[in-house]
């Protein structure tokens, strides 16, 4: 049978914390005064989520150009509307 062992405590390995105590002044006031902003910043022009069916070659062509392909499709559609 195994005996119950006491947990080992290593006082020699205790490391002092270099971080400042954030509960003391002036940090406490600065942290409580800071505004909490969550999420992505709101755009001036919001977009609408929709579903659209495109030919595979058209979609592949836009995606092949790299990131931002959805914005490029949006720009092409906006240009088409402006010419109408």
PDB file of N, CA and C in Angstrom:
ATOM      1  N   UNK A   1       0.825  -1.199   0.000  1.00  0.00           N
ATOM      2  CA  UNK A   1       0.000   0.000   0.000  1.00  0.00           C
ATOM      3  C   UNK A   1       0.858   1.247   0.000  1.00  0.00           C
ATOM      4  N   UNK A   2       0.276   2.305  -0.530  1.00  0.00           N
ATOM      5  CA  UNK A   2       1.001   3.573  -0.545  1.00  0.00           C
ATOM      6  C   UNK A   2       0.603   4.392   0.663  1.00  0.00           C
ATOM      7  N   UNK A   3       1.541   5.154   1.128  1.00  0.00           N
ATOM      8  CA  UNK A   3       1.278   6.026   2.273  1.00  0.00           C
ATOM      9  C   UNK A   3       0.804   7.388   1.780  1.00  0.00           C
ATOM     10  N   UNK A   4       0.033   8.068   2.599  1.00  0.00           N
ATOM     11  CA  UNK A   4      -0.360   9.440   2.269  1.00  0.00           C
ATOM     12  C   UNK A   4       0.855  10.338   2.374  1.00  0.00           C
ATOM     13  N   UNK A   5       1.061  11.113   1.340  1.00  0.00           N
ATOM     14  CA  UNK A   5       2.212  12.008   1.342  1.00  0.00           C
ATOM     15  C   UNK A   5       1.731  13.436   1.473  1.00  0.00           C
ATOM     16  N   UNK A   6       2.484  14.211   2.206  1.00  0.00           N
ATOM     17  CA  UNK A   6       2.167  15.625   2.363  1.00  0.00           C
ATOM     18  C   UNK A   6       2.635  16.358   1.105  1.00  0.00           C
ATOM     19  N   UNK A   7       1.899  17.373   0.691  1.00  0.00           N
ATOM     20  CA  UNK A   7       2.336  18.128  -0.485  1.00  0.00           C
ATOM     21  C   UNK A   7       3.668  18.822  -0.225  1.00  0.00           C
ATOM     22  N   UNK A   8       4.499  18.866  -1.256  1.00  0.00           N
ATOM     23  CA  UNK A   8       5.803  19.505  -1.112  1.00  0.00           C
ATOM     24  C   UNK A   8       5.654  21.011  -1.247  1.00  0.00           C
ATOM     25  N   UNK A   9       6.278  21.732  -0.367  1.00  0.00           N
ATOM     26  CA  UNK A   9       6.280  23.195  -0.423  1.00  0.00           C
ATOM     27  C   UNK A   9       7.711  23.629  -0.633  1.00  0.00           C
ATOM     28  N   UNK A  10       7.925  24.417  -1.640  1.00  0.00           N
ATOM     29  CA  UNK A  10       9.281  24.870  -1.948  1.00  0.00           C
ATOM     30  C   UNK A  10       9.359  26.374  -1.749  1.00  0.00           C
ATOM     31  N   UNK A  11       9.775  26.777  -0.584  1.00  0.00           N
ATOM     32  CA  UNK A  11       9.903  28.202  -0.298  1.00  0.00           C
ATOM     33  C   UNK A  11      11.032  28.835  -1.101  1.00  0.00           C
ATOM     34  N   UNK A  12      12.011  28.039  -1.441  1.00  0.00           N
ATOM     35  CA  UNK A  12      13.161  28.595  -2.142  1.00  0.00           C
ATOM     36  C   UNK A  12      12.822  28.984  -3.584  1.00  0.00           C
ATOM     37  N   UNK A  13      11.717  28.461  -4.130  1.00  0.00           N
ATOM     38  CA  UNK A  13      11.356  28.763  -5.506  1.00  0.00           C
ATOM     39  C   UNK A  13      10.352  29.909  -5.642  1.00  0.00           C
ATOM     40  N   UNK A  14       9.964  30.480  -4.541  1.00  0.00           N
ATOM     41  CA  UNK A  14       9.001  31.577  -4.592  1.00  0.00           C
ATOM     42  C   UNK A  14       9.617  32.757  -5.335  1.00  0.00           C
ATOM     43  N   UNK A  15       8.897  33.257  -6.337  1.00  0.00           N
ATOM     44  CA  UNK A  15       9.381  34.365  -7.150  1.00  0.00           C
ATOM     45  C   UNK A  15       8.536  35.589  -6.817  1.00  0.00           C
ATOM     46  N   UNK A  16       9.224  36.685  -6.579  1.00  0.00           N
ATOM     47  CA  UNK A  16       8.473  37.900  -6.271  1.00  0.00           C
ATOM     48  C   UNK A  16       7.904  38.474  -7.550  1.00  0.00           C
ATOM     49  N   UNK A  17       6.697  38.987  -7.452  1.00  0.00           N
ATOM     50  CA  UNK A  17       5.994  39.525  -8.604  1.00  0.00           C
ATOM     51  C   UNK A  17       6.506  40.921  -8.925  1.00  0.00           C
ATOM     52  N   UNK A  18       6.900  41.141 -10.197  1.00  0.00           N
ATOM     53  CA  UNK A  18       7.396  42.446 -10.626  1.00  0.00           C
ATOM     54  C   UNK A  18       6.276  43.368 -11.084  1.00  0.00           C
ATOM     55  N   UNK A  19       5.098  42.820 -11.300  1.00  0.00           N
ATOM     56  CA  UNK A  19       3.986  43.623 -11.807  1.00  0.00           C
ATOM     57  C   UNK A  19       3.495  44.588 -10.733  1.00  0.00           C
ATOM     58  N   UNK A  20       3.108  45.795 -11.134  1.00  0.00           N
ATOM     59  CA  UNK A  20       2.591  46.750 -10.138  1.00  0.00           C
ATOM     60  C   UNK A  20       1.232  46.305  -9.613  1.00  0.00           C
ATOM     61  N   UNK A  21       0.934  46.691  -8.399  1.00  0.00           N
ATOM     62  CA  UNK A  21      -0.358  46.381  -7.797  1.00  0.00           C
ATOM     63  C   UNK A  21      -1.396  47.314  -8.400  1.00  0.00           C
ATOM     64  N   UNK A  22      -2.314  46.760  -9.190  1.00  0.00           N
ATOM     65  CA  UNK A  22      -3.293  47.575  -9.904  1.00  0.00           C
ATOM     66  C   UNK A  22      -4.478  47.992  -9.046  1.00  0.00           C
ATOM     67  N   UNK A  23      -4.528  47.520  -7.812  1.00  0.00           N
ATOM     68  CA  UNK A  23      -5.638  47.911  -6.940  1.00  0.00           C
ATOM     69  C   UNK A  23      -5.327  49.199  -6.193  1.00  0.00           C
ATOM     70  N   UNK A  24      -4.083  49.642  -6.263  1.00  0.00           N
ATOM     71  CA  UNK A  24      -3.707  50.858  -5.551  1.00  0.00           C
ATOM     72  C   UNK A  24      -3.713  52.055  -6.498  1.00  0.00           C
ATOM     73  N   UNK A  25      -3.815  53.223  -5.926  1.00  0.00           N
ATOM     74  CA  UNK A  25      -3.794  54.462  -6.668  1.00  0.00           C
ATOM     75  C   UNK A  25      -2.436  54.620  -7.339  1.00  0.00           C
ATOM     76  N   UNK A  26      -2.258  55.197  -8.485  1.00  0.00           N
ATOM     77  CA  UNK A  26      -3.206  55.833  -9.375  1.00  0.00           C
ATOM     78  C   UNK A  26      -3.851  54.854 -10.356  1.00  0.00           C
ATOM     79  N   UNK A  27      -3.480  53.597 -10.331  1.00  0.00           N
ATOM     80  CA  UNK A  27      -4.001  52.636 -11.294  1.00  0.00           C
ATOM     81  C   UNK A  27      -5.490  52.388 -11.124  1.00  0.00           C
ATOM     82  N   UNK A  28      -5.969  52.338  -9.910  1.00  0.00           N
ATOM     83  CA  UNK A  28      -7.380  52.046  -9.676  1.00  0.00           C
ATOM     84  C   UNK A  28      -8.271  53.089 -10.356  1.00  0.00           C
ATOM     85  N   UNK A  29      -7.927  54.365 -10.209  1.00  0.00           N
ATOM     86  CA  UNK A  29      -8.733  55.421 -10.826  1.00  0.00           C
ATOM     87  C   UNK A  29      -8.667  55.361 -12.351  1.00  0.00           C
ATOM     88  N   UNK A  30      -7.478  55.085 -12.893  1.00  0.00           N
ATOM     89  CA  UNK A  30      -7.320  55.031 -14.346  1.00  0.00           C
ATOM     90  C   UNK A  30      -8.111  53.869 -14.946  1.00  0.00           C
ATOM     91  N   UNK A  31      -8.086  52.739 -14.281  1.00  0.00           N
ATOM     92  CA  UNK A  31      -8.797  51.579 -14.807  1.00  0.00           C
ATOM     93  C   UNK A  31     -10.305  51.737 -14.710  1.00  0.00           C
ATOM     94  N   UNK A  32     -10.793  52.331 -13.646  1.00  0.00           N
ATOM     95  CA  UNK A  32     -12.239  52.518 -13.518  1.00  0.00           C
ATOM     96  C   UNK A  32     -12.748  53.623 -14.439  1.00  0.00           C
ATOM     97  N   UNK A  33     -11.890  54.582 -14.791  1.00  0.00           N
ATOM     98  CA  UNK A  33     -12.303  55.683 -15.669  1.00  0.00           C
ATOM     99  C   UNK A  33     -12.245  55.299 -17.140  1.00  0.00           C
ATOM    100  N   UNK A  34     -11.529  54.232 -17.470  1.00  0.00           N
ATOM    101  CA  UNK A  34     -11.371  53.833 -18.873  1.00  0.00           C
ATOM    102  C   UNK A  34     -12.688  53.269 -19.408  1.00  0.00           C
ATOM    103  N   UNK A  35     -13.109  53.730 -20.601  1.00  0.00           N
ATOM    104  CA  UNK A  35     -14.348  53.202 -21.172  1.00  0.00           C
ATOM    105  C   UNK A  35     -14.157  51.752 -21.638  1.00  0.00           C
ATOM    106  N   UNK A  36     -15.190  50.960 -21.493  1.00  0.00           N
ATOM    107  CA  UNK A  36     -15.155  49.571 -21.949  1.00  0.00           C
ATOM    108  C   UNK A  36     -15.894  49.511 -23.270  1.00  0.00           C
ATOM    109  N   UNK A  37     -15.164  49.207 -24.333  1.00  0.00           N
ATOM    110  CA  UNK A  37     -15.747  49.121 -25.665  1.00  0.00           C
ATOM    111  C   UNK A  37     -15.549  47.699 -26.154  1.00  0.00           C
ATOM    112  N   UNK A  38     -16.646  47.025 -26.421  1.00  0.00           N
ATOM    113  CA  UNK A  38     -16.568  45.641 -26.859  1.00  0.00           C
ATOM    114  C   UNK A  38     -16.913  45.536 -28.336  1.00  0.00           C
ATOM    115  N   UNK A  39     -16.286  44.585 -28.996  1.00  0.00           N
ATOM    116  CA  UNK A  39     -16.622  44.291 -30.379  1.00  0.00           C
ATOM    117  C   UNK A  39     -15.942  45.195 -31.378  1.00  0.00           C
ATOM    118  N   UNK A  40     -16.319  45.015 -32.601  1.00  0.00           N
ATOM    119  CA  UNK A  40     -15.760  45.750 -33.725  1.00  0.00           C
ATOM    120  C   UNK A  40     -16.341  47.163 -33.745  1.00  0.00           C
ATOM    121  N   UNK A  41     -15.546  48.166 -34.108  1.00  0.00           N
ATOM    122  CA  UNK A  41     -16.088  49.527 -34.212  1.00  0.00           C
ATOM    123  C   UNK A  41     -17.211  49.591 -35.247  1.00  0.00           C
ATOM    124  N   UNK A  42     -18.224  50.354 -34.954  1.00  0.00           N
ATOM    125  CA  UNK A  42     -19.363  50.492 -35.861  1.00  0.00           C
ATOM    126  C   UNK A  42     -18.966  51.305 -37.079  1.00  0.00           C
ATOM    127  N   UNK A  43     -19.364  50.834 -38.225  1.00  0.00           N
ATOM    128  CA  UNK A  43     -19.076  51.514 -39.484  1.00  0.00           C
ATOM    129  C   UNK A  43     -20.118  52.595 -39.726  1.00  0.00           C
ATOM    130  N   UNK A  44     -19.708  53.633 -40.442  1.00  0.00           N
ATOM    131  CA  UNK A  44     -20.660  54.681 -40.796  1.00  0.00           C
ATOM    132  C   UNK A  44     -21.701  54.146 -41.771  1.00  0.00           C
ATOM    133  N   UNK A  45     -21.273  53.232 -42.637  1.00  0.00           N
ATOM    134  CA  UNK A  45     -22.171  52.653 -43.621  1.00  0.00           C
ATOM    135  C   UNK A  45     -22.266  51.156 -43.323  1.00  0.00           C
ATOM    136  N   UNK A  46     -23.366  50.741 -42.706  1.00  0.00           N
ATOM    137  CA  UNK A  46     -23.518  49.335 -42.359  1.00  0.00           C
ATOM    138  C   UNK A  46     -23.904  48.532 -43.584  1.00  0.00           C
ATOM    139  N   UNK A  47     -23.577  47.255 -43.561  1.00  0.00           N
ATOM    140  CA  UNK A  47     -23.877  46.371 -44.686  1.00  0.00           C
ATOM    141  C   UNK A  47     -24.999  45.419 -44.286  1.00  0.00           C
ATOM    142  N   UNK A  48     -25.646  44.865 -45.277  1.00  0.00           N
ATOM    143  CA  UNK A  48     -26.758  43.943 -45.066  1.00  0.00           C
ATOM    144  C   UNK A  48     -26.303  42.556 -45.495  1.00  0.00           C
ATOM    145  N   UNK A  49     -26.521  41.586 -44.630  1.00  0.00           N
ATOM    146  CA  UNK A  49     -26.181  40.210 -44.965  1.00  0.00           C
ATOM    147  C   UNK A  49     -27.249  39.647 -45.896  1.00  0.00           C
ATOM    148  N   UNK A  50     -26.805  39.011 -46.987  1.00  0.00           N
ATOM    149  CA  UNK A  50     -27.728  38.453 -47.961  1.00  0.00           C
ATOM    150  C   UNK A  50     -27.119  37.196 -48.571  1.00  0.00           C
ATOM    151  N   UNK A  51     -27.929  36.483 -49.300  1.00  0.00           N
ATOM    152  CA  UNK A  51     -27.451  35.310 -50.035  1.00  0.00           C
ATOM    153  C   UNK A  51     -27.633  35.584 -51.516  1.00  0.00           C
ATOM    154  N   UNK A  52     -26.588  35.297 -52.293  1.00  0.00           N
ATOM    155  CA  UNK A  52     -26.640  35.532 -53.730  1.00  0.00           C
ATOM    156  C   UNK A  52     -25.994  34.332 -54.419  1.00  0.00           C
ATOM    157  N   UNK A  53     -26.570  33.940 -55.539  1.00  0.00           N
ATOM    158  CA  UNK A  53     -26.012  32.819 -56.299  1.00  0.00           C
ATOM    159  C   UNK A  53     -25.201  33.371 -57.457  1.00  0.00           C
ATOM    160  N   UNK A  54     -23.944  32.953 -57.527  1.00  0.00           N
ATOM    161  CA  UNK A  54     -23.039  33.386 -58.586  1.00  0.00           C
ATOM    162  C   UNK A  54     -22.522  32.164 -59.317  1.00  0.00           C
ATOM    163  N   UNK A  55     -22.149  32.341 -60.575  1.00  0.00           N
ATOM    164  CA  UNK A  55     -21.524  31.252 -61.303  1.00  0.00           C
ATOM    165  C   UNK A  55     -20.198  30.907 -60.627  1.00  0.00           C
ATOM    166  N   UNK A  56     -19.848  29.624 -60.680  1.00  0.00           N
ATOM    167  CA  UNK A  56     -18.643  29.140 -60.006  1.00  0.00           C
ATOM    168  C   UNK A  56     -17.390  29.845 -60.523  1.00  0.00           C
ATOM    169  N   UNK A  57     -17.313  30.085 -61.839  1.00  0.00           N
ATOM    170  CA  UNK A  57     -16.108  30.712 -62.397  1.00  0.00           C
ATOM    171  C   UNK A  57     -15.986  32.172 -61.965  1.00  0.00           C
ATOM    172  N   UNK A  58     -17.119  32.853 -61.810  1.00  0.00           N
ATOM    173  CA  UNK A  58     -17.093  34.248 -61.346  1.00  0.00           C
ATOM    174  C   UNK A  58     -16.593  34.295 -59.905  1.00  0.00           C
ATOM    175  N   UNK A  59     -17.158  33.465 -59.070  1.00  0.00           N
ATOM    176  CA  UNK A  59     -16.753  33.426 -57.668  1.00  0.00           C
ATOM    177  C   UNK A  59     -15.289  33.024 -57.538  1.00  0.00           C
ATOM    178  N   UNK A  60     -14.877  32.036 -58.312  1.00  0.00           N
ATOM    179  CA  UNK A  60     -13.488  31.577 -58.275  1.00  0.00           C
ATOM    180  C   UNK A  60     -12.531  32.689 -58.691  1.00  0.00           C
ATOM    181  N   UNK A  61     -12.916  33.469 -59.687  1.00  0.00           N
ATOM    182  CA  UNK A  61     -12.084  34.577 -60.144  1.00  0.00           C
ATOM    183  C   UNK A  61     -11.891  35.641 -59.070  1.00  0.00           C
ATOM    184  N   UNK A  62     -12.959  35.995 -58.371  1.00  0.00           N
ATOM    185  CA  UNK A  62     -12.844  36.985 -57.293  1.00  0.00           C
ATOM    186  C   UNK A  62     -12.024  36.435 -56.132  1.00  0.00           C
ATOM    187  N   UNK A  63     -12.255  35.182 -55.760  1.00  0.00           N
ATOM    188  CA  UNK A  63     -11.514  34.584 -54.647  1.00  0.00           C
ATOM    189  C   UNK A  63     -10.036  34.415 -54.975  1.00  0.00           C
ATOM    190  N   UNK A  64      -9.723  34.154 -56.233  1.00  0.00           N
ATOM    191  CA  UNK A  64      -8.331  33.949 -56.633  1.00  0.00           C
ATOM    192  C   UNK A  64      -7.499  35.217 -56.442  1.00  0.00           C
ATOM    193  N   UNK A  65      -8.139  36.365 -56.467  1.00  0.00           N
ATOM    194  CA  UNK A  65      -7.418  37.626 -56.290  1.00  0.00           C
ATOM    195  C   UNK A  65      -7.021  37.867 -54.840  1.00  0.00           C
ATOM    196  N   UNK A  66      -7.466  37.010 -53.940  1.00  0.00           N
ATOM    197  CA  UNK A  66      -7.047  37.111 -52.545  1.00  0.00           C
ATOM    198  C   UNK A  66      -8.112  37.685 -51.632  1.00  0.00           C
ATOM    199  N   UNK A  67      -7.702  37.972 -50.383  1.00  0.00           N
ATOM    200  CA  UNK A  67      -8.645  38.502 -49.395  1.00  0.00           C
ATOM    201  C   UNK A  67      -9.304  39.790 -49.874  1.00  0.00           C
ATOM    202  N   UNK A  68     -10.534  39.998 -49.460  1.00  0.00           N
ATOM    203  CA  UNK A  68     -11.281  41.182 -49.861  1.00  0.00           C
ATOM    204  C   UNK A  68     -12.156  40.941 -51.072  1.00  0.00           C
ATOM    205  N   UNK A  69     -12.338  39.675 -51.445  1.00  0.00           N
ATOM    206  CA  UNK A  69     -13.107  39.359 -52.652  1.00  0.00           C
ATOM    207  C   UNK A  69     -14.556  39.789 -52.534  1.00  0.00           C
ATOM    208  N   UNK A  70     -15.137  39.713 -51.342  1.00  0.00           N
ATOM    209  CA  UNK A  70     -16.525  40.141 -51.175  1.00  0.00           C
ATOM    210  C   UNK A  70     -16.656  41.652 -51.364  1.00  0.00           C
ATOM    211  N   UNK A  71     -15.689  42.390 -50.860  1.00  0.00           N
ATOM    212  CA  UNK A  71     -15.702  43.844 -51.045  1.00  0.00           C
ATOM    213  C   UNK A  71     -15.529  44.210 -52.511  1.00  0.00           C
ATOM    214  N   UNK A  72     -14.708  43.440 -53.226  1.00  0.00           N
ATOM    215  CA  UNK A  72     -14.525  43.707 -54.659  1.00  0.00           C
ATOM    216  C   UNK A  72     -15.821  43.454 -55.428  1.00  0.00           C
ATOM    217  N   UNK A  73     -16.538  42.395 -55.069  1.00  0.00           N
ATOM    218  CA  UNK A  73     -17.836  42.140 -55.707  1.00  0.00           C
ATOM    219  C   UNK A  73     -18.775  43.310 -55.429  1.00  0.00           C
ATOM    220  N   UNK A  74     -18.776  43.797 -54.196  1.00  0.00           N
ATOM    221  CA  UNK A  74     -19.608  44.927 -53.809  1.00  0.00           C
ATOM    222  C   UNK A  74     -19.250  46.164 -54.641  1.00  0.00           C
ATOM    223  N   UNK A  75     -17.956  46.409 -54.829  1.00  0.00           N
ATOM    224  CA  UNK A  75     -17.505  47.567 -55.610  1.00  0.00           C
ATOM    225  C   UNK A  75     -17.945  47.461 -57.073  1.00  0.00           C
ATOM    226  N   UNK A  76     -17.839  46.270 -57.656  1.00  0.00           N
ATOM    227  CA  UNK A  76     -18.247  46.064 -59.051  1.00  0.00           C
ATOM    228  C   UNK A  76     -19.747  46.304 -59.199  1.00  0.00           C
ATOM    229  N   UNK A  77     -20.535  45.818 -58.262  1.00  0.00           N
ATOM    230  CA  UNK A  77     -21.982  46.035 -58.319  1.00  0.00           C
ATOM    231  C   UNK A  77     -22.324  47.513 -58.154  1.00  0.00           C
ATOM    232  N   UNK A  78     -21.591  48.219 -57.294  1.00  0.00           N
ATOM    233  CA  UNK A  78     -21.831  49.649 -57.099  1.00  0.00           C
ATOM    234  C   UNK A  78     -21.501  50.417 -58.385  1.00  0.00           C
ATOM    235  N   UNK A  79     -20.389  50.060 -59.050  1.00  0.00           N
ATOM    236  CA  UNK A  79     -20.027  50.702 -60.313  1.00  0.00           C
ATOM    237  C   UNK A  79     -21.103  50.462 -61.366  1.00  0.00           C
ATOM    238  N   UNK A  80     -21.631  49.252 -61.418  1.00  0.00           N
ATOM    239  CA  UNK A  80     -22.689  48.926 -62.386  1.00  0.00           C
ATOM    240  C   UNK A  80     -23.923  49.770 -62.130  1.00  0.00           C
ATOM    241  N   UNK A  81     -24.290  49.946 -60.871  1.00  0.00           N
ATOM    242  CA  UNK A  81     -25.443  50.787 -60.529  1.00  0.00           C
ATOM    243  C   UNK A  81     -25.214  52.240 -60.921  1.00  0.00           C
ATOM    244  N   UNK A  82     -24.012  52.724 -60.737  1.00  0.00           N
ATOM    245  CA  UNK A  82     -23.695  54.123 -61.075  1.00  0.00           C
ATOM    246  C   UNK A  82     -23.803  54.368 -62.569  1.00  0.00           C
ATOM    247  N   UNK A  83     -23.458  53.384 -63.383  1.00  0.00           N
ATOM    248  CA  UNK A  83     -23.532  53.537 -64.850  1.00  0.00           C
ATOM    249  C   UNK A  83     -24.946  53.438 -65.370  1.00  0.00           C
ATOM    250  N   UNK A  84     -25.826  52.842 -64.619  1.00  0.00           N
ATOM    251  CA  UNK A  84     -27.218  52.685 -65.074  1.00  0.00           C
ATOM    252  C   UNK A  84     -27.846  54.006 -65.102  1.00  0.00           C
TER     253      UNK A  84
END
